[in-house]
PDB file of N, CA and C in Angstrom:
ATOM      1  N   MET A   1      99.667  79.143  88.670  1.00  0.00           N
ATOM      2  CA  MET A   1      98.696  79.183  87.592  1.00  0.00           C
ATOM      3  C   MET A   1      99.139  80.130  86.480  1.00  0.00           C
ATOM      4  N   LEU A   2      99.652  81.294  86.859  1.00  0.00           N
ATOM      5  CA  LEU A   2     100.136  82.216  85.822  1.00  0.00           C
ATOM      6  C   LEU A   2     101.304  81.599  85.065  1.00  0.00           C
ATOM      7  N   LYS A   3     102.195  80.970  85.808  1.00  0.00           N
ATOM      8  CA  LYS A   3     103.365  80.371  85.166  1.00  0.00           C
ATOM      9  C   LYS A   3     102.947  79.287  84.183  1.00  0.00           C
ATOM     10  N   GLN A   4     101.980  78.454  84.595  1.00  0.00           N
ATOM     11  CA  GLN A   4     101.517  77.391  83.711  1.00  0.00           C
ATOM     12  C   GLN A   4     100.910  77.973  82.439  1.00  0.00           C
ATOM     13  N   ASN A   5     100.129  79.035  82.587  1.00  0.00           N
ATOM     14  CA  ASN A   5      99.528  79.672  81.413  1.00  0.00           C
ATOM     15  C   ASN A   5     100.597  80.298  80.525  1.00  0.00           C
ATOM     16  N   ARG A   6     101.593  80.901  81.135  1.00  0.00           N
ATOM     17  CA  ARG A   6     102.687  81.518  80.370  1.00  0.00           C
ATOM     18  C   ARG A   6     103.437  80.451  79.579  1.00  0.00           C
ATOM     19  N   ILE A   7     103.765  79.367  80.234  1.00  0.00           N
ATOM     20  CA  ILE A   7     104.515  78.288  79.589  1.00  0.00           C
ATOM     21  C   ILE A   7     103.672  77.620  78.500  1.00  0.00           C
ATOM     22  N   LYS A   8     102.375  77.430  78.775  1.00  0.00           N
ATOM     23  CA  LYS A   8     101.473  76.816  77.798  1.00  0.00           C
ATOM     24  C   LYS A   8     101.453  77.618  76.495  1.00  0.00           C
ATOM     25  N   GLN A   9     101.620  78.922  76.614  1.00  0.00           N
ATOM     26  CA  GLN A   9     101.619  79.779  75.436  1.00  0.00           C
ATOM     27  C   GLN A   9     103.025  80.030  74.893  1.00  0.00           C
ATOM     28  N   ASN A  10     104.010  79.326  75.454  1.00  0.00           N
ATOM     29  CA  ASN A  10     105.399  79.407  75.011  1.00  0.00           C
ATOM     30  C   ASN A  10     105.997  80.807  75.157  1.00  0.00           C
ATOM     31  N   TYR A  11     105.604  81.509  76.218  1.00  0.00           N
ATOM     32  CA  TYR A  11     106.178  82.823  76.497  1.00  0.00           C
ATOM     33  C   TYR A  11     107.244  82.705  77.572  1.00  0.00           C
ATOM     34  N   THR A  12     108.322  83.427  77.393  1.00  0.00           N
ATOM     35  CA  THR A  12     109.283  83.591  78.474  1.00  0.00           C
ATOM     36  C   THR A  12     108.742  84.692  79.385  1.00  0.00           C
ATOM     37  N   GLN A  13     109.342  84.842  80.548  1.00  0.00           N
ATOM     38  CA  GLN A  13     108.945  85.939  81.434  1.00  0.00           C
ATOM     39  C   GLN A  13     109.199  87.276  80.745  1.00  0.00           C
ATOM     40  N   GLU A  14     110.282  87.358  80.013  1.00  0.00           N
ATOM     41  CA  GLU A  14     110.608  88.596  79.297  1.00  0.00           C
ATOM     42  C   GLU A  14     109.558  88.901  78.223  1.00  0.00           C
ATOM     43  N   GLN A  15     109.132  87.892  77.494  1.00  0.00           N
ATOM     44  CA  GLN A  15     108.101  88.105  76.466  1.00  0.00           C
ATOM     45  C   GLN A  15     106.780  88.537  77.093  1.00  0.00           C
ATOM     46  N   LEU A  16     106.409  87.894  78.206  1.00  0.00           N
ATOM     47  CA  LEU A  16     105.185  88.282  78.902  1.00  0.00           C
ATOM     48  C   LEU A  16     105.303  89.704  79.423  1.00  0.00           C
ATOM     49  N   SER A  17     106.478  90.059  79.877  1.00  0.00           N
ATOM     50  CA  SER A  17     106.725  91.424  80.337  1.00  0.00           C
ATOM     51  C   SER A  17     106.470  92.426  79.216  1.00  0.00           C
ATOM     52  N   GLU A  18     106.993  92.124  78.041  1.00  0.00           N
ATOM     53  CA  GLU A  18     106.812  93.021  76.894  1.00  0.00           C
ATOM     54  C   GLU A  18     105.338  93.115  76.480  1.00  0.00           C
ATOM     55  N   LEU A  19     104.643  91.975  76.513  1.00  0.00           N
ATOM     56  CA  LEU A  19     103.227  91.953  76.121  1.00  0.00           C
ATOM     57  C   LEU A  19     102.338  92.686  77.127  1.00  0.00           C
ATOM     58  N   SER A  20     102.667  92.546  78.401  1.00  0.00           N
ATOM     59  CA  SER A  20     101.804  93.080  79.456  1.00  0.00           C
ATOM     60  C   SER A  20     102.211  94.460  79.948  1.00  0.00           C
ATOM     61  N   GLY A  21     103.481  94.810  79.750  1.00  0.00           N
ATOM     62  CA  GLY A  21     103.972  96.068  80.295  1.00  0.00           C
ATOM     63  C   GLY A  21     104.329  95.973  81.768  1.00  0.00           C
ATOM     64  N   VAL A  22     104.445  94.745  82.279  1.00  0.00           N
ATOM     65  CA  VAL A  22     104.779  94.506  83.680  1.00  0.00           C
ATOM     66  C   VAL A  22     106.249  94.097  83.760  1.00  0.00           C
ATOM     67  N   ASP A  23     106.959  94.661  84.724  1.00  0.00           N
ATOM     68  CA  ASP A  23     108.383  94.378  84.900  1.00  0.00           C
ATOM     69  C   ASP A  23     108.606  92.867  85.058  1.00  0.00           C
ATOM     70  N   PRO A  24     109.629  92.308  84.392  1.00  0.00           N
ATOM     71  CA  PRO A  24     109.870  90.864  84.493  1.00  0.00           C
ATOM     72  C   PRO A  24     110.169  90.401  85.915  1.00  0.00           C
ATOM     73  N   ARG A  25     110.772  91.264  86.735  1.00  0.00           N
ATOM     74  CA  ARG A  25     111.023  90.878  88.142  1.00  0.00           C
ATOM     75  C   ARG A  25     109.713  90.726  88.898  1.00  0.00           C
ATOM     76  N   THR A  26     108.744  91.559  88.567  1.00  0.00           N
ATOM     77  CA  THR A  26     107.431  91.451  89.205  1.00  0.00           C
ATOM     78  C   THR A  26     106.759  90.149  88.803  1.00  0.00           C
ATOM     79  N   ILE A  27     106.853  89.803  87.526  1.00  0.00           N
ATOM     80  CA  ILE A  27     106.280  88.533  87.053  1.00  0.00           C
ATOM     81  C   ILE A  27     106.935  87.370  87.785  1.00  0.00           C
ATOM     82  N   LEU A  28     108.234  87.395  87.934  1.00  0.00           N
ATOM     83  CA  LEU A  28     108.956  86.347  88.659  1.00  0.00           C
ATOM     84  C   LEU A  28     108.444  86.224  90.095  1.00  0.00           C
ATOM     85  N   ARG A  29     108.323  87.351  90.784  1.00  0.00           N
ATOM     86  CA  ARG A  29     107.866  87.333  92.183  1.00  0.00           C
ATOM     87  C   ARG A  29     106.430  86.825  92.299  1.00  0.00           C
ATOM     88  N   ILE A  30     105.576  87.194  91.346  1.00  0.00           N
ATOM     89  CA  ILE A  30     104.200  86.701  91.359  1.00  0.00           C
ATOM     90  C   ILE A  30     104.183  85.191  91.146  1.00  0.00           C
ATOM     91  N   GLU A  31     104.945  84.713  90.173  1.00  0.00           N
ATOM     92  CA  GLU A  31     104.987  83.274  89.886  1.00  0.00           C
ATOM     93  C   GLU A  31     105.527  82.472  91.059  1.00  0.00           C
ATOM     94  N   LYS A  32     106.409  83.062  91.844  1.00  0.00           N
ATOM     95  CA  LYS A  32     106.990  82.367  92.999  1.00  0.00           C
ATOM     96  C   LYS A  32     106.199  82.616  94.284  1.00  0.00           C
ATOM     97  N   ASN A  33     105.035  83.262  94.140  1.00  0.00           N
ATOM     98  CA  ASN A  33     104.187  83.591  95.287  1.00  0.00           C
ATOM     99  C   ASN A  33     104.915  84.427  96.329  1.00  0.00           C
ATOM    100  N   GLN A  34     105.808  85.279  95.868  1.00  0.00           N
ATOM    101  CA  GLN A  34     106.545  86.156  96.769  1.00  0.00           C
ATOM    102  C   GLN A  34     105.857  87.502  96.935  1.00  0.00           C
ATOM    103  N   THR A  35     104.860  87.774  96.087  1.00  0.00           N
ATOM    104  CA  THR A  35     104.126  89.030  96.177  1.00  0.00           C
ATOM    105  C   THR A  35     102.720  88.820  95.647  1.00  0.00           C
ATOM    106  N   ILE A  36     101.817  89.637  96.139  1.00  0.00           N
ATOM    107  CA  ILE A  36     100.443  89.648  95.645  1.00  0.00           C
ATOM    108  C   ILE A  36     100.359  90.785  94.642  1.00  0.00           C
ATOM    109  N   PRO A  37      99.946  90.511  93.410  1.00  0.00           N
ATOM    110  CA  PRO A  37      99.909  91.584  92.413  1.00  0.00           C
ATOM    111  C   PRO A  37      98.801  92.599  92.702  1.00  0.00           C
ATOM    112  N   LYS A  38      99.071  93.848  92.375  1.00  0.00           N
ATOM    113  CA  LYS A  38      98.034  94.868  92.420  1.00  0.00           C
ATOM    114  C   LYS A  38      97.010  94.525  91.345  1.00  0.00           C
ATOM    115  N   VAL A  39      95.806  95.020  91.503  1.00  0.00           N
ATOM    116  CA  VAL A  39      94.731  94.695  90.571  1.00  0.00           C
ATOM    117  C   VAL A  39      95.101  95.079  89.144  1.00  0.00           C
ATOM    118  N   ASP A  40      95.662  96.272  88.948  1.00  0.00           N
ATOM    119  CA  ASP A  40      95.995  96.697  87.586  1.00  0.00           C
ATOM    120  C   ASP A  40      97.111  95.846  86.986  1.00  0.00           C
ATOM    121  N   THR A  41      98.070  95.459  87.806  1.00  0.00           N
ATOM    122  CA  THR A  41      99.157  94.588  87.339  1.00  0.00           C
ATOM    123  C   THR A  41      98.606  93.228  86.937  1.00  0.00           C
ATOM    124  N   TYR A  42      97.755  92.678  87.796  1.00  0.00           N
ATOM    125  CA  TYR A  42      97.146  91.375  87.535  1.00  0.00           C
ATOM    126  C   TYR A  42      96.327  91.423  86.243  1.00  0.00           C
ATOM    127  N   ALA A  43      95.571  92.496  86.075  1.00  0.00           N
ATOM    128  CA  ALA A  43      94.742  92.652  84.875  1.00  0.00           C
ATOM    129  C   ALA A  43      95.593  92.677  83.607  1.00  0.00           C
ATOM    130  N   LYS A  44      96.726  93.349  83.663  1.00  0.00           N
ATOM    131  CA  LYS A  44      97.613  93.412  82.496  1.00  0.00           C
ATOM    132  C   LYS A  44      98.141  92.022  82.133  1.00  0.00           C
ATOM    133  N   ILE A  45      98.507  91.252  83.155  1.00  0.00           N
ATOM    134  CA  ILE A  45      99.078  89.920  82.917  1.00  0.00           C
ATOM    135  C   ILE A  45      98.020  88.966  82.372  1.00  0.00           C
ATOM    136  N   VAL A  46      96.855  88.915  83.023  1.00  0.00           N
ATOM    137  CA  VAL A  46      95.833  87.965  82.565  1.00  0.00           C
ATOM    138  C   VAL A  46      95.294  88.341  81.187  1.00  0.00           C
ATOM    139  N   THR A  47      95.274  89.628  80.881  1.00  0.00           N
ATOM    140  CA  THR A  47      94.862  90.063  79.541  1.00  0.00           C
ATOM    141  C   THR A  47      95.880  89.603  78.504  1.00  0.00           C
ATOM    142  N   ALA A  48      97.171  89.773  78.810  1.00  0.00           N
ATOM    143  CA  ALA A  48      98.229  89.358  77.880  1.00  0.00           C
ATOM    144  C   ALA A  48      98.203  87.842  77.660  1.00  0.00           C
ATOM    145  N   LEU A  49      97.813  87.100  78.696  1.00  0.00           N
ATOM    146  CA  LEU A  49      97.766  85.638  78.595  1.00  0.00           C
ATOM    147  C   LEU A  49      96.419  85.126  78.086  1.00  0.00           C
ATOM    148  N   ASN A  50      95.457  86.030  77.865  1.00  0.00           N
ATOM    149  CA  ASN A  50      94.119  85.637  77.414  1.00  0.00           C
ATOM    150  C   ASN A  50      93.500  84.571  78.319  1.00  0.00           C
ATOM    151  N   MET A  51      93.667  84.752  79.629  1.00  0.00           N
ATOM    152  CA  MET A  51      93.128  83.784  80.576  1.00  0.00           C
ATOM    153  C   MET A  51      91.612  83.891  80.641  1.00  0.00           C
ATOM    154  N   THR A  52      90.965  82.738  80.834  1.00  0.00           N
ATOM    155  CA  THR A  52      89.515  82.707  80.981  1.00  0.00           C
ATOM    156  C   THR A  52      89.131  83.120  82.397  1.00  0.00           C
ATOM    157  N   ASN A  53      87.866  83.446  82.586  1.00  0.00           N
ATOM    158  CA  ASN A  53      87.383  83.787  83.927  1.00  0.00           C
ATOM    159  C   ASN A  53      87.587  82.623  84.888  1.00  0.00           C
ATOM    160  N   GLU A  54      87.419  81.410  84.397  1.00  0.00           N
ATOM    161  CA  GLU A  54      87.616  80.222  85.224  1.00  0.00           C
ATOM    162  C   GLU A  54      89.080  80.123  85.683  1.00  0.00           C
ATOM    163  N   GLU A  55      90.010  80.349  84.776  1.00  0.00           N
ATOM    164  CA  GLU A  55      91.432  80.291  85.129  1.00  0.00           C
ATOM    165  C   GLU A  55      91.791  81.399  86.120  1.00  0.00           C
ATOM    166  N   ILE A  56      91.235  82.580  85.902  1.00  0.00           N
ATOM    167  CA  ILE A  56      91.503  83.699  86.807  1.00  0.00           C
ATOM    168  C   ILE A  56      90.969  83.375  88.200  1.00  0.00           C
ATOM    169  N   GLY A  57      89.756  82.846  88.268  1.00  0.00           N
ATOM    170  CA  GLY A  57      89.171  82.487  89.560  1.00  0.00           C
ATOM    171  C   GLY A  57      90.008  81.450  90.284  1.00  0.00           C
ATOM    172  N   LYS A  58      90.474  80.459  89.555  1.00  0.00           N
ATOM    173  CA  LYS A  58      91.313  79.416  90.161  1.00  0.00           C
ATOM    174  C   LYS A  58      92.605  80.022  90.708  1.00  0.00           C
ATOM    175  N   HIS A  59      93.203  80.916  89.947  1.00  0.00           N
ATOM    176  CA  HIS A  59      94.444  81.530  90.402  1.00  0.00           C
ATOM    177  C   HIS A  59      94.205  82.387  91.644  1.00  0.00           C
ATOM    178  N   ILE A  60      93.121  83.121  91.682  1.00  0.00           N
ATOM    179  CA  ILE A  60      92.818  83.948  92.853  1.00  0.00           C
ATOM    180  C   ILE A  60      92.605  83.067  94.082  1.00  0.00           C
ATOM    181  N   ARG A  61      91.955  81.916  93.914  1.00  0.00           N
ATOM    182  CA  ARG A  61      91.804  80.986  95.044  1.00  0.00           C
ATOM    183  C   ARG A  61      93.164  80.496  95.522  1.00  0.00           C
ATOM    184  N   GLU A  62      94.080  80.218  94.595  1.00  0.00           N
ATOM    185  CA  GLU A  62      95.434  79.788  94.974  1.00  0.00           C
ATOM    186  C   GLU A  62      96.148  80.887  95.759  1.00  0.00           C
ATOM    187  N   ILE A  63      95.977  82.127  95.340  1.00  0.00           N
ATOM    188  CA  ILE A  63      96.588  83.250  96.059  1.00  0.00           C
ATOM    189  C   ILE A  63      96.044  83.300  97.484  1.00  0.00           C
ATOM    190  N   ASN A  64      94.733  83.147  97.636  1.00  0.00           N
ATOM    191  CA  ASN A  64      94.122  83.189  98.961  1.00  0.00           C
ATOM    192  C   ASN A  64      94.624  82.067  99.854  1.00  0.00           C
ATOM    193  N   ILE A  65      94.796  80.872  99.291  1.00  0.00           N
ATOM    194  CA  ILE A  65      95.330  79.746 100.055  1.00  0.00           C
ATOM    195  C   ILE A  65      96.749  80.056 100.526  1.00  0.00           C
ATOM    196  N   ASN A  66      97.577  80.607  99.639  1.00  0.00           N
ATOM    197  CA  ASN A  66      98.950  80.942 100.003  1.00  0.00           C
ATOM    198  C   ASN A  66      98.989  82.028 101.071  1.00  0.00           C
ATOM    199  N   LEU A  67      98.054  82.970 101.028  1.00  0.00           N
ATOM    200  CA  LEU A  67      97.991  84.012 102.055  1.00  0.00           C
ATOM    201  C   LEU A  67      97.698  83.414 103.427  1.00  0.00           C
ATOM    202  N   LYS A  68      96.807  82.444 103.463  1.00  0.00           N
ATOM    203  CA  LYS A  68      96.450  81.810 104.734  1.00  0.00           C
ATOM    204  C   LYS A  68      97.616  81.017 105.304  1.00  0.00           C
ATOM    205  N   LYS A  69      98.480  80.475 104.441  1.00  0.00           N
ATOM    206  CA  LYS A  69      99.638  79.710 104.910  1.00  0.00           C
ATOM    207  C   LYS A  69     100.654  80.623 105.589  1.00  0.00           C
ATOM    208  N   ASN A  70     100.745  81.860 105.114  1.00  0.00           N
ATOM    209  CA  ASN A  70     101.735  82.793 105.664  1.00  0.00           C
ATOM    210  C   ASN A  70     101.087  83.543 106.764  1.00  0.00           C
TER     211      ASN A  70
END
């Protein structure tokens, strides 16, 4: 979901990193579901992407589904 929002806004991972202040490697790991973001990290990313509450909720549900798979 984050990746789709990033791409929809024509941001590279590096550009999102600069906008959010989050390391680009962290953004990569989050997009690949390799890590669960800390609340402050997640807040920085969704703020930079101007995500709606609905989009944020959907992404959090996706994270929970991925957690149950592992």
